[in-house]
All heavy atoms as atom14 arrays in JSON, in Angstrom:
{
  "sequence": "AQWTVDELTRQARLYDELAAGSPTVVTLDAARDPDDVAREVWARVRL",
  "atom14_mask": [
    [1, 1, 1, 1, 1, 0, 0, 0, 0, 0, 0, 0, 0, 0],
    [1, 1, 1, 1, 1, 1, 1, 1, 1, 0, 0, 0, 0, 0],
    [1, 1, 1, 1, 1, 1, 1, 1, 1, 1, 1, 1, 1, 1],
    [1, 1, 1, 1, 1, 1, 1, 0, 0, 0, 0, 0, 0, 0],
    [1, 1, 1, 1, 1, 1, 1, 0, 0, 0, 0, 0, 0, 0],
    [1, 1, 1, 1, 1, 1, 1, 1, 0, 0, 0, 0, 0, 0],
    [1, 1, 1, 1, 1, 1, 1, 1, 1, 0, 0, 0, 0, 0],
    [1, 1, 1, 1, 1, 1, 1, 1, 0, 0, 0, 0, 0, 0],
    [1, 1, 1, 1, 1, 1, 1, 0, 0, 0, 0, 0, 0, 0],
    [1, 1, 1, 1, 1, 1, 1, 1, 1, 1, 1, 0, 0, 0],
    [1, 1, 1, 1, 1, 1, 1, 1, 1, 0, 0, 0, 0, 0],
    [1, 1, 1, 1, 1, 0, 0, 0, 0, 0, 0, 0, 0, 0],
    [1, 1, 1, 1, 1, 1, 1, 1, 1, 1, 1, 0, 0, 0],
    [1, 1, 1, 1, 1, 1, 1, 1, 0, 0, 0, 0, 0, 0],
    [1, 1, 1, 1, 1, 1, 1, 1, 1, 1, 1, 1, 0, 0],
    [1, 1, 1, 1, 1, 1, 1, 1, 0, 0, 0, 0, 0, 0],
    [1, 1, 1, 1, 1, 1, 1, 1, 1, 0, 0, 0, 0, 0],
    [1, 1, 1, 1, 1, 1, 1, 1, 0, 0, 0, 0, 0, 0],
    [1, 1, 1, 1, 1, 0, 0, 0, 0, 0, 0, 0, 0, 0],
    [1, 1, 1, 1, 1, 0, 0, 0, 0, 0, 0, 0, 0, 0],
    [1, 1, 1, 1, 0, 0, 0, 0, 0, 0, 0, 0, 0, 0],
    [1, 1, 1, 1, 1, 1, 0, 0, 0, 0, 0, 0, 0, 0],
    [1, 1, 1, 1, 1, 1, 1, 0, 0, 0, 0, 0, 0, 0],
    [1, 1, 1, 1, 1, 1, 1, 0, 0, 0, 0, 0, 0, 0],
    [1, 1, 1, 1, 1, 1, 1, 0, 0, 0, 0, 0, 0, 0],
    [1, 1, 1, 1, 1, 1, 1, 0, 0, 0, 0, 0, 0, 0],
    [1, 1, 1, 1, 1, 1, 1, 0, 0, 0, 0, 0, 0, 0],
    [1, 1, 1, 1, 1, 1, 1, 1, 0, 0, 0, 0, 0, 0],
    [1, 1, 1, 1, 1, 1, 1, 1, 0, 0, 0, 0, 0, 0],
    [1, 1, 1, 1, 1, 0, 0, 0, 0, 0, 0, 0, 0, 0],
    [1, 1, 1, 1, 1, 0, 0, 0, 0, 0, 0, 0, 0, 0],
    [1, 1, 1, 1, 1, 1, 1, 1, 1, 1, 1, 0, 0, 0],
    [1, 1, 1, 1, 1, 1, 1, 1, 0, 0, 0, 0, 0, 0],
    [1, 1, 1, 1, 1, 1, 1, 0, 0, 0, 0, 0, 0, 0],
    [1, 1, 1, 1, 1, 1, 1, 1, 0, 0, 0, 0, 0, 0],
    [1, 1, 1, 1, 1, 1, 1, 1, 0, 0, 0, 0, 0, 0],
    [1, 1, 1, 1, 1, 1, 1, 0, 0, 0, 0, 0, 0, 0],
    [1, 1, 1, 1, 1, 0, 0, 0, 0, 0, 0, 0, 0, 0],
    [1, 1, 1, 1, 1, 1, 1, 1, 1, 1, 1, 0, 0, 0],
    [1, 1, 1, 1, 1, 1, 1, 1, 1, 0, 0, 0, 0, 0],
    [1, 1, 1, 1, 1, 1, 1, 0, 0, 0, 0, 0, 0, 0],
    [1, 1, 1, 1, 1, 1, 1, 1, 1, 1, 1, 1, 1, 1],
    [1, 1, 1, 1, 1, 0, 0, 0, 0, 0, 0, 0, 0, 0],
    [1, 1, 1, 1, 1, 1, 1, 1, 1, 1, 1, 0, 0, 0],
    [1, 1, 1, 1, 1, 1, 1, 0, 0, 0, 0, 0, 0, 0],
    [1, 1, 1, 1, 1, 1, 1, 1, 1, 1, 1, 0, 0, 0],
    [1, 1, 1, 1, 1, 1, 1, 1, 0, 0, 0, 0, 0, 0]
  ],
  "atom14_positions": [
    [[-7.5, 7.15, -16.52], [-6.97, 8.04, -17.54], [-5.49, 7.85, -17.83], [-5.06, 7.95, -18.98], [-7.21, 9.48, -17.14], [0.0, 0.0, 0.0], [0.0, 0.0, 0.0], [0.0, 0.0, 0.0], [0.0, 0.0, 0.0], [0.0, 0.0, 0.0], [0.0, 0.0, 0.0], [0.0, 0.0, 0.0], [0.0, 0.0, 0.0], [0.0, 0.0, 0.0]],
    [[-4.68, 7.56, -16.82], [-3.24, 7.65, -17.0], [-2.59, 6.33, -17.39], [-1.74, 6.31, -18.31], [-2.59, 8.14, -15.7], [-1.08, 8.41, -15.83], [-0.5, 9.09, -14.62], [-1.21, 9.26, -13.62], [0.74, 9.48, -14.71], [0.0, 0.0, 0.0], [0.0, 0.0, 0.0], [0.0, 0.0, 0.0], [0.0, 0.0, 0.0], [0.0, 0.0, 0.0]],
    [[-2.9, 5.24, -16.73], [-2.22, 3.95, -16.95], [-3.19, 2.87, -17.41], [-4.36, 2.89, -17.07], [-1.54, 3.5, -15.65], [-0.63, 4.48, -15.02], [-0.89, 5.29, -13.95], [0.71, 4.81, -15.45], [0.19, 6.06, -13.66], [1.2, 5.8, -14.56], [1.56, 4.34, -16.45], [2.48, 6.33, -14.67], [2.82, 4.86, -16.57], [3.27, 5.86, -15.68]],
    [[-2.65, 1.89, -18.12], [-3.44, 0.72, -18.48], [-3.36, -0.29, -17.33], [-2.52, -0.17, -16.41], [-2.9, 0.07, -19.76], [-1.57, -0.45, -19.5], [-2.83, 1.08, -20.9], [0.0, 0.0, 0.0], [0.0, 0.0, 0.0], [0.0, 0.0, 0.0], [0.0, 0.0, 0.0], [0.0, 0.0, 0.0], [0.0, 0.0, 0.0], [0.0, 0.0, 0.0]],
    [[-4.2, -1.3, -17.39], [-4.19, -2.34, -16.34], [-2.84, -3.06, -16.35], [-2.28, -3.36, -15.29], [-5.35, -3.33, -16.56], [-5.24, -4.5, -15.56], [-6.68, -2.63, -16.39], [0.0, 0.0, 0.0], [0.0, 0.0, 0.0], [0.0, 0.0, 0.0], [0.0, 0.0, 0.0], [0.0, 0.0, 0.0], [0.0, 0.0, 0.0], [0.0, 0.0, 0.0]],
    [[-2.3, -3.34, -17.55], [-1.02, -4.01, -17.63], [0.08, -3.18, -16.99], [0.96, -3.7, -16.28], [-0.67, -4.32, -19.09], [-1.53, -5.42, -19.67], [-2.14, -6.18, -18.88], [-1.63, -5.5, -20.9], [0.0, 0.0, 0.0], [0.0, 0.0, 0.0], [0.0, 0.0, 0.0], [0.0, 0.0, 0.0], [0.0, 0.0, 0.0], [0.0, 0.0, 0.0]],
    [[0.08, -1.87, -17.26], [1.09, -1.01, -16.66], [0.96, -0.94, -15.14], [1.95, -0.95, -14.42], [0.99, 0.39, -17.28], [1.46, 0.45, -18.72], [1.16, 1.77, -19.38], [0.19, 2.46, -18.95], [1.88, 2.13, -20.32], [0.0, 0.0, 0.0], [0.0, 0.0, 0.0], [0.0, 0.0, 0.0], [0.0, 0.0, 0.0], [0.0, 0.0, 0.0]],
    [[-0.26, -0.87, -14.66], [-0.51, -0.86, -13.22], [-0.09, -2.18, -12.59], [0.44, -2.21, -11.44], [-1.98, -0.56, -12.94], [-2.45, 0.86, -13.23], [-3.98, 0.94, -13.13], [-1.83, 1.85, -12.26], [0.0, 0.0, 0.0], [0.0, 0.0, 0.0], [0.0, 0.0, 0.0], [0.0, 0.0, 0.0], [0.0, 0.0, 0.0], [0.0, 0.0, 0.0]],
    [[-0.28, -3.26, -13.3], [0.13, -4.57, -12.79], [1.65, -4.63, -12.63], [2.17, -5.14, -11.63], [-0.34, -5.68, -13.74], [-1.75, -5.66, -13.85], [0.1, -7.08, -13.22], [0.0, 0.0, 0.0], [0.0, 0.0, 0.0], [0.0, 0.0, 0.0], [0.0, 0.0, 0.0], [0.0, 0.0, 0.0], [0.0, 0.0, 0.0], [0.0, 0.0, 0.0]],
    [[2.36, -4.1, -13.59], [3.8, -4.05, -13.52], [4.27, -3.16, -12.37], [5.18, -3.5, -11.62], [4.39, -3.54, -14.84], [5.92, -3.48, -14.85], [6.42, -2.91, -16.16], [7.85, -2.61, -16.11], [8.49, -1.9, -17.0], [7.82, -1.39, -18.02], [9.76, -1.65, -16.88], [0.0, 0.0, 0.0], [0.0, 0.0, 0.0], [0.0, 0.0, 0.0]],
    [[3.62, -2.0, -12.2], [3.96, -1.12, -11.1], [3.7, -1.77, -9.76], [4.49, -1.65, -8.81], [3.18, 0.19, -11.22], [3.62, 1.07, -12.39], [2.8, 2.34, -12.45], [2.39, 2.89, -11.43], [2.56, 2.85, -13.66], [0.0, 0.0, 0.0], [0.0, 0.0, 0.0], [0.0, 0.0, 0.0], [0.0, 0.0, 0.0], [0.0, 0.0, 0.0]],
    [[2.57, -2.46, -9.65], [2.22, -3.14, -8.39], [3.29, -4.18, -8.02], [3.64, -4.32, -6.84], [0.85, -3.8, -8.51], [0.0, 0.0, 0.0], [0.0, 0.0, 0.0], [0.0, 0.0, 0.0], [0.0, 0.0, 0.0], [0.0, 0.0, 0.0], [0.0, 0.0, 0.0], [0.0, 0.0, 0.0], [0.0, 0.0, 0.0], [0.0, 0.0, 0.0]],
    [[3.8, -4.89, -9.04], [4.85, -5.86, -8.78], [6.13, -5.18, -8.28], [6.79, -5.69, -7.36], [5.14, -6.65, -10.05], [6.17, -7.76, -9.85], [6.27, -8.64, -11.09], [6.76, -7.91, -12.24], [6.01, -7.59, -13.28], [4.73, -7.9, -13.31], [6.52, -6.9, -14.32], [0.0, 0.0, 0.0], [0.0, 0.0, 0.0], [0.0, 0.0, 0.0]],
    [[6.45, -4.03, -8.84], [7.63, -3.29, -8.39], [7.45, -2.81, -6.95], [8.38, -2.87, -6.16], [7.9, -2.12, -9.32], [8.29, -2.48, -10.76], [8.45, -1.21, -11.6], [9.59, -3.27, -10.79], [0.0, 0.0, 0.0], [0.0, 0.0, 0.0], [0.0, 0.0, 0.0], [0.0, 0.0, 0.0], [0.0, 0.0, 0.0], [0.0, 0.0, 0.0]],
    [[6.27, -2.29, -6.64], [6.01, -1.86, -5.25], [6.18, -3.03, -4.28], [6.8, -2.88, -3.2], [4.59, -1.32, -5.14], [4.43, 0.13, -5.48], [3.69, 0.57, -6.62], [4.98, 1.12, -4.67], [3.57, 1.9, -6.92], [4.83, 2.47, -4.97], [4.13, 2.86, -6.1], [3.98, 4.19, -6.4], [0.0, 0.0, 0.0], [0.0, 0.0, 0.0]],
    [[5.63, -4.18, -4.63], [5.74, -5.35, -3.76], [7.2, -5.78, -3.55], [7.59, -6.08, -2.44], [4.96, -6.54, -4.35], [3.45, -6.3, -4.29], [3.0, -5.43, -3.52], [2.72, -7.01, -5.03], [0.0, 0.0, 0.0], [0.0, 0.0, 0.0], [0.0, 0.0, 0.0], [0.0, 0.0, 0.0], [0.0, 0.0, 0.0], [0.0, 0.0, 0.0]],
    [[7.96, -5.76, -4.64], [9.38, -6.13, -4.52], [10.15, -5.16, -3.64], [10.95, -5.58, -2.79], [10.02, -6.19, -5.92], [9.47, -7.31, -6.8], [10.03, -7.25, -8.22], [10.81, -6.29, -8.49], [9.68, -8.11, -9.03], [0.0, 0.0, 0.0], [0.0, 0.0, 0.0], [0.0, 0.0, 0.0], [0.0, 0.0, 0.0], [0.0, 0.0, 0.0]],
    [[9.94, -3.87, -3.79], [10.62, -2.89, -2.99], [10.19, -2.94, -1.52], [11.01, -2.8, -0.6], [10.36, -1.48, -3.54], [11.09, -1.18, -4.85], [10.52, 0.08, -5.5], [12.58, -0.99, -4.61], [0.0, 0.0, 0.0], [0.0, 0.0, 0.0], [0.0, 0.0, 0.0], [0.0, 0.0, 0.0], [0.0, 0.0, 0.0], [0.0, 0.0, 0.0]],
    [[8.88, -3.13, -1.3], [8.4, -3.22, 0.07], [8.93, -4.46, 0.8], [9.28, -4.39, 1.98], [6.87, -3.24, 0.08], [0.0, 0.0, 0.0], [0.0, 0.0, 0.0], [0.0, 0.0, 0.0], [0.0, 0.0, 0.0], [0.0, 0.0, 0.0], [0.0, 0.0, 0.0], [0.0, 0.0, 0.0], [0.0, 0.0, 0.0], [0.0, 0.0, 0.0]],
    [[9.05, -5.55, 0.06], [9.6, -6.77, 0.67], [11.04, -6.61, 1.06], [11.53, -7.23, 2.0], [9.43, -7.95, -0.31], [0.0, 0.0, 0.0], [0.0, 0.0, 0.0], [0.0, 0.0, 0.0], [0.0, 0.0, 0.0], [0.0, 0.0, 0.0], [0.0, 0.0, 0.0], [0.0, 0.0, 0.0], [0.0, 0.0, 0.0], [0.0, 0.0, 0.0]],
    [[11.77, -5.76, 0.36], [13.18, -5.53, 0.66], [13.43, -4.43, 1.62], [14.6, -4.12, 1.91], [0.0, 0.0, 0.0], [0.0, 0.0, 0.0], [0.0, 0.0, 0.0], [0.0, 0.0, 0.0], [0.0, 0.0, 0.0], [0.0, 0.0, 0.0], [0.0, 0.0, 0.0], [0.0, 0.0, 0.0], [0.0, 0.0, 0.0], [0.0, 0.0, 0.0]],
    [[12.37, -3.82, 2.17], [12.55, -2.7, 3.11], [11.72, -2.98, 4.38], [10.47, -2.93, 4.32], [12.11, -1.4, 2.5], [12.24, -0.34, 3.41], [0.0, 0.0, 0.0], [0.0, 0.0, 0.0], [0.0, 0.0, 0.0], [0.0, 0.0, 0.0], [0.0, 0.0, 0.0], [0.0, 0.0, 0.0], [0.0, 0.0, 0.0], [0.0, 0.0, 0.0]],
    [[12.37, -3.3, 5.49], [11.62, -3.63, 6.73], [10.87, -2.44, 7.31], [10.03, -2.62, 8.2], [12.72, -4.1, 7.67], [13.98, -3.46, 7.15], [13.82, -3.38, 5.68], [0.0, 0.0, 0.0], [0.0, 0.0, 0.0], [0.0, 0.0, 0.0], [0.0, 0.0, 0.0], [0.0, 0.0, 0.0], [0.0, 0.0, 0.0], [0.0, 0.0, 0.0]],
    [[11.14, -1.21, 6.83], [10.49, -0.04, 7.39], [9.14, 0.26, 6.73], [8.38, 1.11, 7.21], [11.36, 1.21, 7.24], [11.61, 1.48, 5.86], [12.72, 1.01, 7.94], [0.0, 0.0, 0.0], [0.0, 0.0, 0.0], [0.0, 0.0, 0.0], [0.0, 0.0, 0.0], [0.0, 0.0, 0.0], [0.0, 0.0, 0.0], [0.0, 0.0, 0.0]],
    [[8.83, -0.43, 5.63], [7.59, -0.19, 4.91], [6.44, -1.01, 5.54], [6.57, -2.21, 5.72], [7.72, -0.52, 3.43], [6.38, -0.35, 2.7], [8.79, 0.36, 2.77], [0.0, 0.0, 0.0], [0.0, 0.0, 0.0], [0.0, 0.0, 0.0], [0.0, 0.0, 0.0], [0.0, 0.0, 0.0], [0.0, 0.0, 0.0], [0.0, 0.0, 0.0]],
    [[5.34, -0.33, 5.84], [4.14, -0.98, 6.36], [3.14, -1.09, 5.2], [2.71, -0.07, 4.65], [3.53, -0.19, 7.51], [2.23, -0.84, 7.97], [4.51, -0.09, 8.66], [0.0, 0.0, 0.0], [0.0, 0.0, 0.0], [0.0, 0.0, 0.0], [0.0, 0.0, 0.0], [0.0, 0.0, 0.0], [0.0, 0.0, 0.0], [0.0, 0.0, 0.0]],
    [[2.77, -2.32, 4.84], [1.82, -2.54, 3.73], [0.43, -2.74, 4.32], [0.21, -3.6, 5.16], [2.23, -3.76, 2.92], [3.56, -3.57, 2.39], [1.28, -3.96, 1.75], [0.0, 0.0, 0.0], [0.0, 0.0, 0.0], [0.0, 0.0, 0.0], [0.0, 0.0, 0.0], [0.0, 0.0, 0.0], [0.0, 0.0, 0.0], [0.0, 0.0, 0.0]],
    [[-0.52, -1.93, 3.82], [-1.9, -2.01, 4.28], [-2.82, -2.35, 3.11], [-2.59, -1.87, 1.98], [-2.35, -0.7, 4.92], [-1.6, -0.21, 6.15], [-2.19, 1.1, 6.66], [-1.62, -1.24, 7.26], [0.0, 0.0, 0.0], [0.0, 0.0, 0.0], [0.0, 0.0, 0.0], [0.0, 0.0, 0.0], [0.0, 0.0, 0.0], [0.0, 0.0, 0.0]],
    [[-3.79, -3.18, 3.36], [-4.74, -3.58, 2.35], [-5.73, -2.45, 2.12], [-6.63, -2.22, 2.95], [-5.47, -4.86, 2.77], [-6.43, -5.37, 1.71], [-6.47, -4.78, 0.61], [-7.12, -6.38, 1.97], [0.0, 0.0, 0.0], [0.0, 0.0, 0.0], [0.0, 0.0, 0.0], [0.0, 0.0, 0.0], [0.0, 0.0, 0.0], [0.0, 0.0, 0.0]],
    [[-5.56, -1.74, 1.02], [-6.45, -0.58, 0.74], [-7.84, -0.99, 0.28], [-8.69, -0.13, 0.09], [-5.8, 0.3, -0.31], [0.0, 0.0, 0.0], [0.0, 0.0, 0.0], [0.0, 0.0, 0.0], [0.0, 0.0, 0.0], [0.0, 0.0, 0.0], [0.0, 0.0, 0.0], [0.0, 0.0, 0.0], [0.0, 0.0, 0.0], [0.0, 0.0, 0.0]],
    [[-8.08, -2.31, 0.09], [-9.4, -2.79, -0.29], [-10.32, -2.89, 0.93], [-11.54, -3.1, 0.78], [-9.31, -4.11, -0.98], [0.0, 0.0, 0.0], [0.0, 0.0, 0.0], [0.0, 0.0, 0.0], [0.0, 0.0, 0.0], [0.0, 0.0, 0.0], [0.0, 0.0, 0.0], [0.0, 0.0, 0.0], [0.0, 0.0, 0.0], [0.0, 0.0, 0.0]],
    [[-9.76, -2.78, 2.13], [-10.57, -2.82, 3.34], [-11.41, -1.58, 3.46], [-11.29, -0.62, 2.69], [-9.66, -2.96, 4.57], [-8.9, -4.27, 4.64], [-7.73, -4.14, 5.6], [-8.09, -3.5, 6.85], [-7.22, -2.94, 7.69], [-5.91, -2.96, 7.39], [-7.62, -2.4, 8.8], [0.0, 0.0, 0.0], [0.0, 0.0, 0.0], [0.0, 0.0, 0.0]],
    [[-12.28, -1.56, 4.48], [-13.09, -0.37, 4.75], [-12.16, 0.81, 5.01], [-11.24, 0.72, 5.85], [-13.97, -0.62, 5.98], [-14.86, 0.57, 6.26], [-15.95, 0.66, 5.67], [-14.47, 1.44, 7.08], [0.0, 0.0, 0.0], [0.0, 0.0, 0.0], [0.0, 0.0, 0.0], [0.0, 0.0, 0.0], [0.0, 0.0, 0.0], [0.0, 0.0, 0.0]],
    [[-12.35, 1.93, 4.31], [-11.45, 3.09, 4.48], [-11.32, 3.59, 5.91], [-10.26, 4.03, 6.33], [-12.07, 4.13, 3.57], [-12.84, 3.37, 2.54], [-13.35, 2.16, 3.26], [0.0, 0.0, 0.0], [0.0, 0.0, 0.0], [0.0, 0.0, 0.0], [0.0, 0.0, 0.0], [0.0, 0.0, 0.0], [0.0, 0.0, 0.0], [0.0, 0.0, 0.0]],
    [[-12.42, 3.5, 6.66], [-12.37, 3.95, 8.05], [-11.46, 3.04, 8.89], [-10.74, 3.53, 9.78], [-13.78, 3.98, 8.65], [-14.66, 5.07, 8.03], [-14.07, 6.04, 7.5], [-15.9, 4.94, 8.07], [0.0, 0.0, 0.0], [0.0, 0.0, 0.0], [0.0, 0.0, 0.0], [0.0, 0.0, 0.0], [0.0, 0.0, 0.0], [0.0, 0.0, 0.0]],
    [[-11.49, 1.75, 8.6], [-10.6, 0.83, 9.33], [-9.14, 1.12, 9.01], [-8.26, 1.1, 9.86], [-10.93, -0.63, 8.98], [-12.28, -1.04, 9.53], [-12.77, -0.43, 10.48], [-12.85, -2.05, 9.0], [0.0, 0.0, 0.0], [0.0, 0.0, 0.0], [0.0, 0.0, 0.0], [0.0, 0.0, 0.0], [0.0, 0.0, 0.0], [0.0, 0.0, 0.0]],
    [[-8.87, 1.38, 7.73], [-7.48, 1.71, 7.32], [-7.05, 3.0, 7.99], [-5.91, 3.11, 8.46], [-7.41, 1.81, 5.78], [-6.0, 2.24, 5.36], [-7.79, 0.51, 5.1], [0.0, 0.0, 0.0], [0.0, 0.0, 0.0], [0.0, 0.0, 0.0], [0.0, 0.0, 0.0], [0.0, 0.0, 0.0], [0.0, 0.0, 0.0], [0.0, 0.0, 0.0]],
    [[-7.94, 4.0, 8.0], [-7.61, 5.29, 8.61], [-7.31, 5.14, 10.09], [-6.38, 5.79, 10.63], [-8.75, 6.29, 8.42], [0.0, 0.0, 0.0], [0.0, 0.0, 0.0], [0.0, 0.0, 0.0], [0.0, 0.0, 0.0], [0.0, 0.0, 0.0], [0.0, 0.0, 0.0], [0.0, 0.0, 0.0], [0.0, 0.0, 0.0], [0.0, 0.0, 0.0]],
    [[-8.06, 4.29, 10.8], [-7.82, 4.08, 12.22], [-6.43, 3.42, 12.45], [-5.74, 3.76, 13.42], [-8.93, 3.22, 12.83], [-10.19, 4.01, 13.15], [-11.17, 3.18, 13.97], [-11.8, 2.16, 13.13], [-12.95, 2.34, 12.48], [-13.58, 3.53, 12.55], [-13.48, 1.38, 11.76], [0.0, 0.0, 0.0], [0.0, 0.0, 0.0], [0.0, 0.0, 0.0]],
    [[-6.07, 2.48, 11.58], [-4.77, 1.85, 11.74], [-3.64, 2.84, 11.48], [-2.62, 2.84, 12.2], [-4.65, 0.65, 10.79], [-3.36, -0.13, 10.97], [-3.33, -1.45, 10.24], [-4.39, -1.85, 9.71], [-2.26, -2.07, 10.21], [0.0, 0.0, 0.0], [0.0, 0.0, 0.0], [0.0, 0.0, 0.0], [0.0, 0.0, 0.0], [0.0, 0.0, 0.0]],
    [[-3.8, 3.68, 10.45], [-2.78, 4.7, 10.19], [-2.66, 5.65, 11.37], [-1.57, 5.98, 11.8], [-3.14, 5.47, 8.9], [-2.21, 6.66, 8.72], [-3.02, 4.55, 7.68], [0.0, 0.0, 0.0], [0.0, 0.0, 0.0], [0.0, 0.0, 0.0], [0.0, 0.0, 0.0], [0.0, 0.0, 0.0], [0.0, 0.0, 0.0], [0.0, 0.0, 0.0]],
    [[-3.79, 6.09, 11.88], [-3.79, 7.04, 12.98], [-3.13, 6.41, 14.23], [-2.37, 7.1, 14.94], [-5.2, 7.49, 13.33], [-5.29, 8.29, 14.58], [-5.88, 7.93, 15.75], [-4.72, 9.58, 14.81], [-5.76, 8.93, 16.68], [-5.03, 9.96, 16.14], [-3.98, 10.46, 14.01], [-4.63, 11.16, 16.69], [-3.57, 11.65, 14.57], [-3.9, 12.0, 15.88]],
    [[-3.38, 5.16, 14.48], [-2.77, 4.49, 15.65], [-1.24, 4.48, 15.54], [-0.53, 4.71, 16.52], [-3.31, 3.08, 15.77], [0.0, 0.0, 0.0], [0.0, 0.0, 0.0], [0.0, 0.0, 0.0], [0.0, 0.0, 0.0], [0.0, 0.0, 0.0], [0.0, 0.0, 0.0], [0.0, 0.0, 0.0], [0.0, 0.0, 0.0], [0.0, 0.0, 0.0]],
    [[-0.75, 4.23, 14.34], [0.71, 4.21, 14.14], [1.32, 5.62, 14.26], [2.39, 5.78, 14.84], [1.04, 3.58, 12.78], [0.71, 2.11, 12.68], [1.02, 1.55, 11.31], [0.73, 0.13, 11.21], [1.55, -0.85, 11.56], [2.76, -0.56, 12.02], [1.2, -2.12, 11.42], [0.0, 0.0, 0.0], [0.0, 0.0, 0.0], [0.0, 0.0, 0.0]],
    [[0.64, 6.61, 13.69], [1.14, 7.97, 13.8], [1.1, 8.45, 15.24], [2.03, 9.12, 15.71], [0.33, 8.89, 12.87], [0.73, 10.35, 13.09], [0.5, 8.51, 11.41], [0.0, 0.0, 0.0], [0.0, 0.0, 0.0], [0.0, 0.0, 0.0], [0.0, 0.0, 0.0], [0.0, 0.0, 0.0], [0.0, 0.0, 0.0], [0.0, 0.0, 0.0]],
    [[0.06, 8.1, 15.95], [-0.05, 8.54, 17.35], [1.06, 7.94, 18.23], [1.59, 8.62, 19.13], [-1.4, 8.15, 17.93], [-1.71, 8.7, 19.31], [-3.12, 8.52, 19.71], [-3.36, 9.15, 21.0], [-4.57, 9.22, 21.58], [-5.63, 8.68, 20.97], [-4.72, 9.82, 22.74], [0.0, 0.0, 0.0], [0.0, 0.0, 0.0], [0.0, 0.0, 0.0]],
    [[1.43, 6.72, 17.95], [2.56, 6.12, 18.68], [3.84, 6.94, 18.45], [4.63, 7.15, 19.38], [2.79, 4.69, 18.24], [1.79, 3.65, 18.78], [2.09, 2.3, 18.16], [1.92, 3.55, 20.3], [0.0, 0.0, 0.0], [0.0, 0.0, 0.0], [0.0, 0.0, 0.0], [0.0, 0.0, 0.0], [0.0, 0.0, 0.0], [0.0, 0.0, 0.0]]
  ]
}
């Protein structure tokens, strides 16, 4: 509803550029199984 594919593509590029310039950002592949992603997030928060 909100953005076109082209607009999302531009936003994704901006996210990648900002994440690459910040060592504190953890990038996770959201295309993976959601339960696997949730377990990785929980492991980091638990630490």
